[in-house]
C-alpha atoms as a PDB file:
ATOM      1  CA  MET A   1      19.652  21.589 -40.369  1.00  0.00           C
ATOM      2  CA  LYS A   2      20.814  23.952 -37.646  1.00  0.00           C
ATOM      3  CA  GLN A   3      17.217  24.970 -36.901  1.00  0.00           C
ATOM      4  CA  VAL A   4      16.246  21.348 -36.313  1.00  0.00           C
ATOM      5  CA  THR A   5      19.142  20.964 -33.899  1.00  0.00           C
ATOM      6  CA  LYS A   6      18.153  24.128 -32.056  1.00  0.00           C
ATOM      7  CA  ASN A   7      14.529  22.994 -31.901  1.00  0.00           C
ATOM      8  CA  ARG A   8      15.543  19.599 -30.574  1.00  0.00           C
ATOM      9  CA  SER A   9      17.758  21.266 -28.015  1.00  0.00           C
ATOM     10  CA  ALA A  10      15.011  23.674 -26.981  1.00  0.00           C
ATOM     11  CA  ALA A  11      12.505  20.828 -26.723  1.00  0.00           C
ATOM     12  CA  LYS A  12      14.928  18.816 -24.655  1.00  0.00           C
ATOM     13  CA  ASN A  13      15.505  21.779 -22.323  1.00  0.00           C
ATOM     14  CA  THR A  14      11.769  22.344 -22.014  1.00  0.00           C
ATOM     15  CA  VAL A  15      11.126  18.716 -21.096  1.00  0.00           C
ATOM     16  CA  THR A  16      13.936  18.809 -18.561  1.00  0.00           C
ATOM     17  CA  ASP A  17      12.554  22.000 -17.015  1.00  0.00           C
ATOM     18  CA  VAL A  18       9.081  20.483 -16.660  1.00  0.00           C
ATOM     19  CA  ARG A  19      10.470  17.372 -15.004  1.00  0.00           C
ATOM     20  CA  ASP A  20      12.534  19.479 -12.593  1.00  0.00           C
ATOM     21  CA  ASP A  21       9.436  21.531 -11.686  1.00  0.00           C
ATOM     22  CA  GLU A  22       7.419  18.387 -10.948  1.00  0.00           C
ATOM     23  CA  LYS A  23       9.943  17.137  -8.407  1.00  0.00           C
ATOM     24  CA  PRO A  24       9.227  18.262  -4.852  1.00  0.00           C
ATOM     25  CA  ASN A  25      12.064  20.245  -3.373  1.00  0.00           C
ATOM     26  CA  ILE A  26      12.260  18.688   0.078  1.00  0.00           C
ATOM     27  CA  ASN A  27      15.105  20.947   1.191  1.00  0.00           C
ATOM     28  CA  ASN A  28      13.021  24.108   0.734  1.00  0.00           C
ATOM     29  CA  GLU A  29       9.701  22.734   1.981  1.00  0.00           C
ATOM     30  CA  SER A  30      10.499  20.069   4.536  1.00  0.00           C
ATOM     31  CA  LEU A  31       7.565  18.287   6.152  1.00  0.00           C
ATOM     32  CA  MET A  32       8.814  19.058   9.651  1.00  0.00           C
ATOM     33  CA  ILE A  33      10.434  22.186  11.022  1.00  0.00           C
ATOM     34  CA  SER A  34      12.245  23.059  14.227  1.00  0.00           C
ATOM     35  CA  LEU A  35      10.445  24.585  17.173  1.00  0.00           C
ATOM     36  CA  GLY A  36      12.468  27.763  16.591  1.00  0.00           C
ATOM     37  CA  ASP A  37      11.286  27.987  12.970  1.00  0.00           C
ATOM     38  CA  ALA A  38       7.709  27.375  14.123  1.00  0.00           C
ATOM     39  CA  ALA A  39       8.096  30.239  16.592  1.00  0.00           C
ATOM     40  CA  GLN A  40       9.271  32.510  13.798  1.00  0.00           C
ATOM     41  CA  MET A  41       6.225  31.580  11.699  1.00  0.00           C
ATOM     42  CA  LEU A  42       3.978  32.360  14.678  1.00  0.00           C
ATOM     43  CA  GLY A  43       5.705  35.697  15.234  1.00  0.00           C
ATOM     44  CA  ILE A  44       6.988  34.855  18.715  1.00  0.00           C
ATOM     45  CA  HIS A  45      10.496  34.527  20.125  1.00  0.00           C
ATOM     46  CA  ARG A  46      11.947  31.027  20.216  1.00  0.00           C
ATOM     47  CA  THR A  47      12.386  31.127  24.001  1.00  0.00           C
ATOM     48  CA  THR A  48       8.700  31.976  24.302  1.00  0.00           C
ATOM     49  CA  ALA A  49       7.881  28.983  22.103  1.00  0.00           C
ATOM     50  CA  TRP A  50      10.016  26.746  24.325  1.00  0.00           C
ATOM     51  CA  ALA A  51       8.266  28.076  27.452  1.00  0.00           C
ATOM     52  CA  ILE A  52       4.847  27.400  25.897  1.00  0.00           C
ATOM     53  CA  HIS A  53       6.006  23.924  24.871  1.00  0.00           C
ATOM     54  CA  ASP A  54       7.370  23.205  28.363  1.00  0.00           C
ATOM     55  CA  ARG A  55       3.985  24.144  29.849  1.00  0.00           C
ATOM     56  CA  GLY A  56       2.290  21.777  27.392  1.00  0.00           C
ATOM     57  CA  ASP A  57       0.337  24.613  25.759  1.00  0.00           C
ATOM     58  CA  PHE A  58       1.923  24.719  22.295  1.00  0.00           C
ATOM     59  CA  PRO A  59      -0.966  24.849  19.784  1.00  0.00           C
ATOM     60  CA  VAL A  60       0.347  21.964  17.663  1.00  0.00           C
ATOM     61  CA  PRO A  61       2.071  18.690  18.588  1.00  0.00           C
ATOM     62  CA  VAL A  62       5.825  18.959  19.107  1.00  0.00           C
ATOM     63  CA  ILE A  63       7.543  15.679  18.303  1.00  0.00           C
ATOM     64  CA  LYS A  64      11.028  14.583  19.303  1.00  0.00           C
ATOM     65  CA  VAL A  65      12.939  13.215  16.316  1.00  0.00           C
ATOM     66  CA  GLY A  66      16.348  11.966  17.331  1.00  0.00           C
ATOM     67  CA  GLY A  67      17.656  14.686  19.603  1.00  0.00           C
ATOM     68  CA  HIS A  68      15.610  17.476  18.026  1.00  0.00           C
ATOM     69  CA  TRP A  69      12.101  18.786  18.652  1.00  0.00           C
ATOM     70  CA  ARG A  70      10.079  19.184  15.448  1.00  0.00           C
ATOM     71  CA  VAL A  71       6.675  20.484  14.377  1.00  0.00           C
ATOM     72  CA  VAL A  72       4.740  19.149  11.392  1.00  0.00           C
ATOM     73  CA  ARG A  73       4.519  22.020   8.919  1.00  0.00           C
ATOM     74  CA  ALA A  74       0.942  21.127   7.874  1.00  0.00           C
ATOM     75  CA  HIS A  75      -0.212  21.235  11.518  1.00  0.00           C
ATOM     76  CA  LEU A  76       1.295  24.678  11.968  1.00  0.00           C
ATOM     77  CA  HIS A  77      -0.280  25.969   8.751  1.00  0.00           C
ATOM     78  CA  HIS A  78      -3.658  24.620   9.894  1.00  0.00           C
ATOM     79  CA  PHE A  79      -3.344  26.466  13.207  1.00  0.00           C
ATOM     80  CA  ILE A  80      -2.224  29.696  11.534  1.00  0.00           C
ATOM     81  CA  ASN A  81      -5.070  29.571   8.990  1.00  0.00           C
ATOM     82  CA  THR A  82      -7.905  28.493  11.293  1.00  0.00           C
ATOM     83  CA  GLY A  83      -6.813  29.323  14.830  1.00  0.00           C
ATOM     84  CA  GLU A  84      -7.746  25.768  15.851  1.00  0.00           C
ATOM     85  CA  ARG A  85      -5.334  23.809  18.012  1.00  0.00           C
ATOM     86  CA  VAL A  86      -4.087  20.590  16.466  1.00  0.00           C
ATOM     87  CA  THR A  87      -3.966  17.400  18.508  1.00  0.00           C
ATOM     88  CA  LEU A  88      -2.815  13.946  17.597  1.00  0.00           C
ATOM     89  CA  PRO A  89      -5.645  11.462  17.018  1.00  0.00           C
ATOM     90  CA  PHE A  90      -4.840   9.494  20.169  1.00  0.00           C
ATOM     91  CA  ASN A  91      -3.487  10.964  23.377  1.00  0.00           C
ATOM     92  CA  PRO A  92      -4.523   8.851  26.377  1.00  0.00           C
ATOM     93  CA  ILE A  93      -3.105  11.367  28.875  1.00  0.00           C
ATOM     94  CA  SER A  94      -5.444  14.212  27.892  1.00  0.00           C
ATOM     95  CA  ASP A  95      -8.226  12.260  26.126  1.00  0.00           C
ATOM     96  CA  SER A  96     -11.014  11.877  28.691  1.00  0.00           C
ATOM     97  CA  THR A  97     -13.021   9.588  26.386  1.00  0.00           C
ATOM     98  CA  PHE A  98     -10.371   6.878  26.636  1.00  0.00           C
ATOM     99  CA  THR A  99     -11.365   4.002  28.876  1.00  0.00           C
ATOM    100  CA  ALA A 100      -9.379   0.833  29.449  1.00  0.00           C
ATOM    101  CA  ARG A 101     -11.264  -2.457  29.187  1.00  0.00           C
END
């Protein structure tokens, strides 16, 4: 009888572990990161990242969320992996193909 109890307990722990592993851990892998964290991932100093951002030359979009500037983690990974700049789909200021009708 004790073996059955242990097996049930082990099975319950196993099921719990699988469910915990399937849950995304948003705290460790947030969708957006600070400009300073993005600078660290790029291997540059945060003040350099701010200077690049202020010039409008940061390789990925920097978005203001509340009072904080954030970078989409997926955009940064794309730039790091491919070297291609990431732009938002619609930017009428820099998109020369945009014409008003």
